[in-house]
Amino acid sequence: MRPPRREEILTLIASPCLLRSDRAGRALFISDFEARAPGGGAAGRLRAAGYALRREDALTLIDWPDEAYAAYYEGLPPAALPPLSGENAALWGLCSILMRHEAPLSRQDMGTLALALRLARLNDTGKLLRLLRGALAEALREGKAPPAHAARLLSAMLNDQTEYYMGR
């Protein structure tokens, strides 16, 4: 499973509209399709295709439900670290730590993992590192499962496998 492509969403909407990645990381995409073509059936087609929709101001946030994010993370190949370099040290180190804290996906916080994928798609490494470092620290403090499957996402980023997080 890979993240949806913009073209796939546009096909479901089937009318001219704004559609772009949500730069705030709230969802996979944002669109103004409901304002441009109210009652056009796009919302029903998107929901039937398995997307979760949420209105925020004049925009519709188009996202996956938790089950789709879980299927995405289950489908990622196990983490494999490339050679350590100065350029990848921060991601490499965090990925290495997460690999040592395996936990069943069902025990991990899907909200954190969903946001991690959205930040990876935005190529916002700084926010991604802060999110996962904070989630790891909190999980260890509270005796909860850390976001271990994020190691698979970081590995895909480190190995430049953009199809796994960008949908290409």
C-alpha atoms as a PDB file:
ATOM      1  CA  MET A   1       0.000   0.000   0.000  1.00  0.00           C
ATOM      2  CA  ARG A   2       1.227   3.468  -0.786  1.00  0.00           C
ATOM      3  CA  PRO A   3      -0.150   6.921  -0.060  1.00  0.00           C
ATOM      4  CA  PRO A   4      -2.649   8.200  -2.623  1.00  0.00           C
ATOM      5  CA  ARG A   5      -1.533  10.330  -5.504  1.00  0.00           C
ATOM      6  CA  ARG A   6      -3.098  13.697  -6.197  1.00  0.00           C
ATOM      7  CA  GLU A   7      -4.385  12.424  -9.548  1.00  0.00           C
ATOM      8  CA  GLU A   8      -6.270   9.602  -7.831  1.00  0.00           C
ATOM      9  CA  ILE A   9      -8.090  12.045  -5.581  1.00  0.00           C
ATOM     10  CA  LEU A  10      -8.857  14.390  -8.483  1.00  0.00           C
ATOM     11  CA  THR A  11     -10.389  11.485 -10.387  1.00  0.00           C
ATOM     12  CA  LEU A  12     -12.728  10.784  -7.466  1.00  0.00           C
ATOM     13  CA  ILE A  13     -13.666  14.458  -7.111  1.00  0.00           C
ATOM     14  CA  ALA A  14     -14.303  14.722 -10.877  1.00  0.00           C
ATOM     15  CA  SER A  15     -14.608  18.510 -10.993  1.00  0.00           C
ATOM     16  CA  PRO A  16     -12.151  21.414 -11.170  1.00  0.00           C
ATOM     17  CA  CYS A  17     -10.990  22.427  -7.698  1.00  0.00           C
ATOM     18  CA  LEU A  18      -8.055  23.204  -5.478  1.00  0.00           C
ATOM     19  CA  LEU A  19      -6.358  20.032  -4.280  1.00  0.00           C
ATOM     20  CA  ARG A  20      -2.984  20.001  -2.597  1.00  0.00           C
ATOM     21  CA  SER A  21      -1.119  18.370   0.237  1.00  0.00           C
ATOM     22  CA  ASP A  22      -2.089  19.848   3.559  1.00  0.00           C
ATOM     23  CA  ARG A  23       0.973  21.905   4.510  1.00  0.00           C
ATOM     24  CA  ALA A  24      -0.197  21.997   8.130  1.00  0.00           C
ATOM     25  CA  GLY A  25      -0.048  18.200   8.410  1.00  0.00           C
ATOM     26  CA  ARG A  26      -3.696  17.815   9.460  1.00  0.00           C
ATOM     27  CA  ALA A  27      -4.576  15.463   6.585  1.00  0.00           C
ATOM     28  CA  LEU A  28      -3.121  14.004   3.413  1.00  0.00           C
ATOM     29  CA  PHE A  29      -4.853  16.600   1.201  1.00  0.00           C
ATOM     30  CA  ILE A  30      -7.007  19.701   1.403  1.00  0.00           C
ATOM     31  CA  SER A  31      -9.561  20.765  -1.178  1.00  0.00           C
ATOM     32  CA  ASP A  32     -12.280  23.314  -1.835  1.00  0.00           C
ATOM     33  CA  PHE A  33     -14.376  20.887  -3.921  1.00  0.00           C
ATOM     34  CA  GLU A  34     -17.447  21.253  -1.692  1.00  0.00           C
ATOM     35  CA  ALA A  35     -17.486  25.027  -2.163  1.00  0.00           C
ATOM     36  CA  ARG A  36     -16.976  24.797  -5.931  1.00  0.00           C
ATOM     37  CA  ALA A  37     -19.343  21.931  -6.693  1.00  0.00           C
ATOM     38  CA  PRO A  38     -21.789  21.472  -3.811  1.00  0.00           C
ATOM     39  CA  GLY A  39     -23.911  18.367  -4.146  1.00  0.00           C
ATOM     40  CA  GLY A  40     -21.709  16.977  -6.906  1.00  0.00           C
ATOM     41  CA  GLY A  41     -21.285  13.613  -5.223  1.00  0.00           C
ATOM     42  CA  ALA A  42     -17.535  13.941  -4.703  1.00  0.00           C
ATOM     43  CA  ALA A  43     -17.789  13.510  -0.932  1.00  0.00           C
ATOM     44  CA  GLY A  44     -19.706  10.273  -1.377  1.00  0.00           C
ATOM     45  CA  ARG A  45     -17.179   8.942  -3.884  1.00  0.00           C
ATOM     46  CA  LEU A  46     -14.277   9.811  -1.594  1.00  0.00           C
ATOM     47  CA  ARG A  47     -15.939   8.143   1.399  1.00  0.00           C
ATOM     48  CA  ALA A  48     -16.787   5.069  -0.698  1.00  0.00           C
ATOM     49  CA  ALA A  49     -13.109   4.864  -1.684  1.00  0.00           C
ATOM     50  CA  GLY A  50     -12.189   4.756   2.008  1.00  0.00           C
ATOM     51  CA  TYR A  51     -11.235   8.344   2.767  1.00  0.00           C
ATOM     52  CA  ALA A  52     -12.193  10.277   5.876  1.00  0.00           C
ATOM     53  CA  LEU A  53     -13.429  13.823   5.274  1.00  0.00           C
ATOM     54  CA  ARG A  54     -13.502  16.698   7.714  1.00  0.00           C
ATOM     55  CA  ARG A  55     -14.571  20.299   7.099  1.00  0.00           C
ATOM     56  CA  GLU A  56     -12.374  23.063   8.388  1.00  0.00           C
ATOM     57  CA  ASP A  57     -13.428  26.569   7.434  1.00  0.00           C
ATOM     58  CA  ALA A  58     -14.041  26.572   3.672  1.00  0.00           C
ATOM     59  CA  LEU A  59     -11.813  23.570   3.027  1.00  0.00           C
ATOM     60  CA  THR A  60     -12.297  19.837   3.205  1.00  0.00           C
ATOM     61  CA  LEU A  61      -9.519  17.788   4.747  1.00  0.00           C
ATOM     62  CA  ILE A  62      -9.115  14.471   2.916  1.00  0.00           C
ATOM     63  CA  ASP A  63      -7.367  11.809   4.948  1.00  0.00           C
ATOM     64  CA  TRP A  64      -7.135   8.106   5.604  1.00  0.00           C
ATOM     65  CA  PRO A  65      -8.953   6.582   8.572  1.00  0.00           C
ATOM     66  CA  ASP A  66      -6.783   4.888  11.222  1.00  0.00           C
ATOM     67  CA  GLU A  67      -7.340   1.480   9.614  1.00  0.00           C
ATOM     68  CA  ALA A  68      -5.763   2.672   6.361  1.00  0.00           C
ATOM     69  CA  TYR A  69      -2.764   4.122   8.189  1.00  0.00           C
ATOM     70  CA  ALA A  70      -2.370   0.788  10.013  1.00  0.00           C
ATOM     71  CA  ALA A  71      -2.499  -1.106   6.706  1.00  0.00           C
ATOM     72  CA  TYR A  72       0.073   1.284   5.275  1.00  0.00           C
ATOM     73  CA  TYR A  73       2.513   0.722   8.144  1.00  0.00           C
ATOM     74  CA  GLU A  74       1.946  -3.041   8.070  1.00  0.00           C
ATOM     75  CA  GLY A  75       2.821  -3.019   4.381  1.00  0.00           C
ATOM     76  CA  LEU A  76       6.107  -1.173   4.749  1.00  0.00           C
ATOM     77  CA  PRO A  77       9.158  -3.408   4.488  1.00  0.00           C
ATOM     78  CA  PRO A  78      11.144  -3.944   7.692  1.00  0.00           C
ATOM     79  CA  ALA A  79      13.615  -1.186   8.434  1.00  0.00           C
ATOM     80  CA  ALA A  80      17.076  -1.417   6.909  1.00  0.00           C
ATOM     81  CA  LEU A  81      19.632   1.236   7.706  1.00  0.00           C
ATOM     82  CA  PRO A  82      21.935   2.629   5.014  1.00  0.00           C
ATOM     83  CA  PRO A  83      25.492   3.612   5.939  1.00  0.00           C
ATOM     84  CA  LEU A  84      25.664   6.424   8.496  1.00  0.00           C
ATOM     85  CA  SER A  85      26.703   9.813   7.126  1.00  0.00           C
ATOM     86  CA  GLY A  86      26.716  13.382   8.338  1.00  0.00           C
ATOM     87  CA  GLU A  87      23.679  14.129   6.171  1.00  0.00           C
ATOM     88  CA  ASN A  88      21.495  11.363   7.559  1.00  0.00           C
ATOM     89  CA  ALA A  89      22.741  11.170  11.142  1.00  0.00           C
ATOM     90  CA  ALA A  90      19.617  12.529  12.864  1.00  0.00           C
ATOM     91  CA  LEU A  91      17.156  10.293  10.993  1.00  0.00           C
ATOM     92  CA  TRP A  92      19.570   7.348  11.137  1.00  0.00           C
ATOM     93  CA  GLY A  93      19.987   7.623  14.910  1.00  0.00           C
ATOM     94  CA  LEU A  94      16.264   7.875  15.617  1.00  0.00           C
ATOM     95  CA  CYS A  95      15.514   5.013  13.229  1.00  0.00           C
ATOM     96  CA  SER A  96      18.124   2.873  14.976  1.00  0.00           C
ATOM     97  CA  ILE A  97      16.604   3.570  18.394  1.00  0.00           C
ATOM     98  CA  LEU A  98      13.052   2.868  17.205  1.00  0.00           C
ATOM     99  CA  MET A  99      14.207  -0.431  15.699  1.00  0.00           C
ATOM    100  CA  ARG A 100      15.249  -1.540  19.196  1.00  0.00           C
ATOM    101  CA  HIS A 101      11.783  -0.899  20.643  1.00  0.00           C
ATOM    102  CA  GLU A 102       9.597  -3.231  18.623  1.00  0.00           C
ATOM    103  CA  ALA A 103       5.944  -3.336  19.599  1.00  0.00           C
ATOM    104  CA  PRO A 104       2.772  -4.617  17.985  1.00  0.00           C
ATOM    105  CA  LEU A 105       1.258  -2.006  15.716  1.00  0.00           C
ATOM    106  CA  SER A 106      -2.055  -2.315  17.552  1.00  0.00           C
ATOM    107  CA  ARG A 107      -0.411  -0.941  20.726  1.00  0.00           C
ATOM    108  CA  GLN A 108       1.213   2.053  19.022  1.00  0.00           C
ATOM    109  CA  ASP A 109      -0.442   5.472  18.813  1.00  0.00           C
ATOM    110  CA  MET A 110      -1.904   5.655  15.316  1.00  0.00           C
ATOM    111  CA  GLY A 111      -2.303   9.435  15.570  1.00  0.00           C
ATOM    112  CA  THR A 112       1.461   9.796  15.936  1.00  0.00           C
ATOM    113  CA  LEU A 113       2.143   7.393  13.072  1.00  0.00           C
ATOM    114  CA  ALA A 114      -0.393   9.158  10.834  1.00  0.00           C
ATOM    115  CA  LEU A 115       1.171  12.538  11.519  1.00  0.00           C
ATOM    116  CA  ALA A 116       4.624  11.058  10.902  1.00  0.00           C
ATOM    117  CA  LEU A 117       3.604   9.985   7.400  1.00  0.00           C
ATOM    118  CA  ARG A 118       2.019  13.357   6.655  1.00  0.00           C
ATOM    119  CA  LEU A 119       5.190  15.173   7.791  1.00  0.00           C
ATOM    120  CA  ALA A 120       7.360  12.820   5.726  1.00  0.00           C
ATOM    121  CA  ARG A 121       5.225  13.615   2.668  1.00  0.00           C
ATOM    122  CA  LEU A 122       5.821  17.305   3.323  1.00  0.00           C
ATOM    123  CA  ASN A 123       9.554  16.587   3.664  1.00  0.00           C
ATOM    124  CA  ASP A 124       9.481  18.367   7.035  1.00  0.00           C
ATOM    125  CA  THR A 125      12.299  16.450   8.678  1.00  0.00           C
ATOM    126  CA  GLY A 126      12.602  18.861  11.603  1.00  0.00           C
ATOM    127  CA  LYS A 127       8.984  18.456  12.703  1.00  0.00           C
ATOM    128  CA  LEU A 128       9.119  14.728  12.020  1.00  0.00           C
ATOM    129  CA  LEU A 129      12.153  14.310  14.275  1.00  0.00           C
ATOM    130  CA  ARG A 130      10.566  16.398  17.045  1.00  0.00           C
ATOM    131  CA  LEU A 131       7.324  14.420  16.824  1.00  0.00           C
ATOM    132  CA  LEU A 132       8.953  10.994  16.958  1.00  0.00           C
ATOM    133  CA  ARG A 133      11.555  11.888  19.575  1.00  0.00           C
ATOM    134  CA  GLY A 134       8.832  13.295  21.807  1.00  0.00           C
ATOM    135  CA  ALA A 135       6.539  10.308  21.245  1.00  0.00           C
ATOM    136  CA  LEU A 136       9.376   7.884  21.971  1.00  0.00           C
ATOM    137  CA  ALA A 137      10.330   9.686  25.179  1.00  0.00           C
ATOM    138  CA  GLU A 138       6.713   9.881  26.358  1.00  0.00           C
ATOM    139  CA  ALA A 139       6.079   6.211  25.594  1.00  0.00           C
ATOM    140  CA  LEU A 140       9.182   5.101  27.485  1.00  0.00           C
ATOM    141  CA  ARG A 141       8.348   7.333  30.472  1.00  0.00           C
ATOM    142  CA  GLU A 142       4.791   6.044  30.667  1.00  0.00           C
ATOM    143  CA  GLY A 143       5.531   2.386  29.904  1.00  0.00           C
ATOM    144  CA  LYS A 144       3.596   2.473  26.621  1.00  0.00           C
ATOM    145  CA  ALA A 145       4.516   1.151  23.196  1.00  0.00           C
ATOM    146  CA  PRO A 146       6.735   3.608  21.290  1.00  0.00           C
ATOM    147  CA  PRO A 147       6.034   4.417  17.632  1.00  0.00           C
ATOM    148  CA  ALA A 148       8.299   1.566  16.514  1.00  0.00           C
ATOM    149  CA  HIS A 149       6.758   1.186  13.063  1.00  0.00           C
ATOM    150  CA  ALA A 150       7.944   4.713  12.296  1.00  0.00           C
ATOM    151  CA  ALA A 151      11.377   3.101  11.883  1.00  0.00           C
ATOM    152  CA  ARG A 152      10.055   1.588   8.652  1.00  0.00           C
ATOM    153  CA  LEU A 153       9.038   5.030   7.420  1.00  0.00           C
ATOM    154  CA  LEU A 154      12.387   6.554   8.391  1.00  0.00           C
ATOM    155  CA  SER A 155      14.179   3.686   6.668  1.00  0.00           C
ATOM    156  CA  ALA A 156      12.258   4.373   3.462  1.00  0.00           C
ATOM    157  CA  MET A 157      13.255   8.035   3.725  1.00  0.00           C
ATOM    158  CA  LEU A 158      16.896   7.199   4.415  1.00  0.00           C
ATOM    159  CA  ASN A 159      17.016   4.768   1.500  1.00  0.00           C
ATOM    160  CA  ASP A 160      15.289   7.290  -0.802  1.00  0.00           C
ATOM    161  CA  GLN A 161      12.305   5.035  -1.438  1.00  0.00           C
ATOM    162  CA  THR A 162       9.860   7.862  -2.118  1.00  0.00           C
ATOM    163  CA  GLU A 163       7.147   5.519  -3.378  1.00  0.00           C
ATOM    164  CA  TYR A 164       6.637   4.366   0.216  1.00  0.00           C
ATOM    165  CA  TYR A 165       5.852   7.781   1.640  1.00  0.00           C
ATOM    166  CA  MET A 166       5.127  10.102  -1.275  1.00  0.00           C
ATOM    167  CA  GLY A 167       2.953   7.752  -3.311  1.00  0.00           C
ATOM    168  CA  ARG A 168       5.167   7.956  -6.396  1.00  0.00           C
END
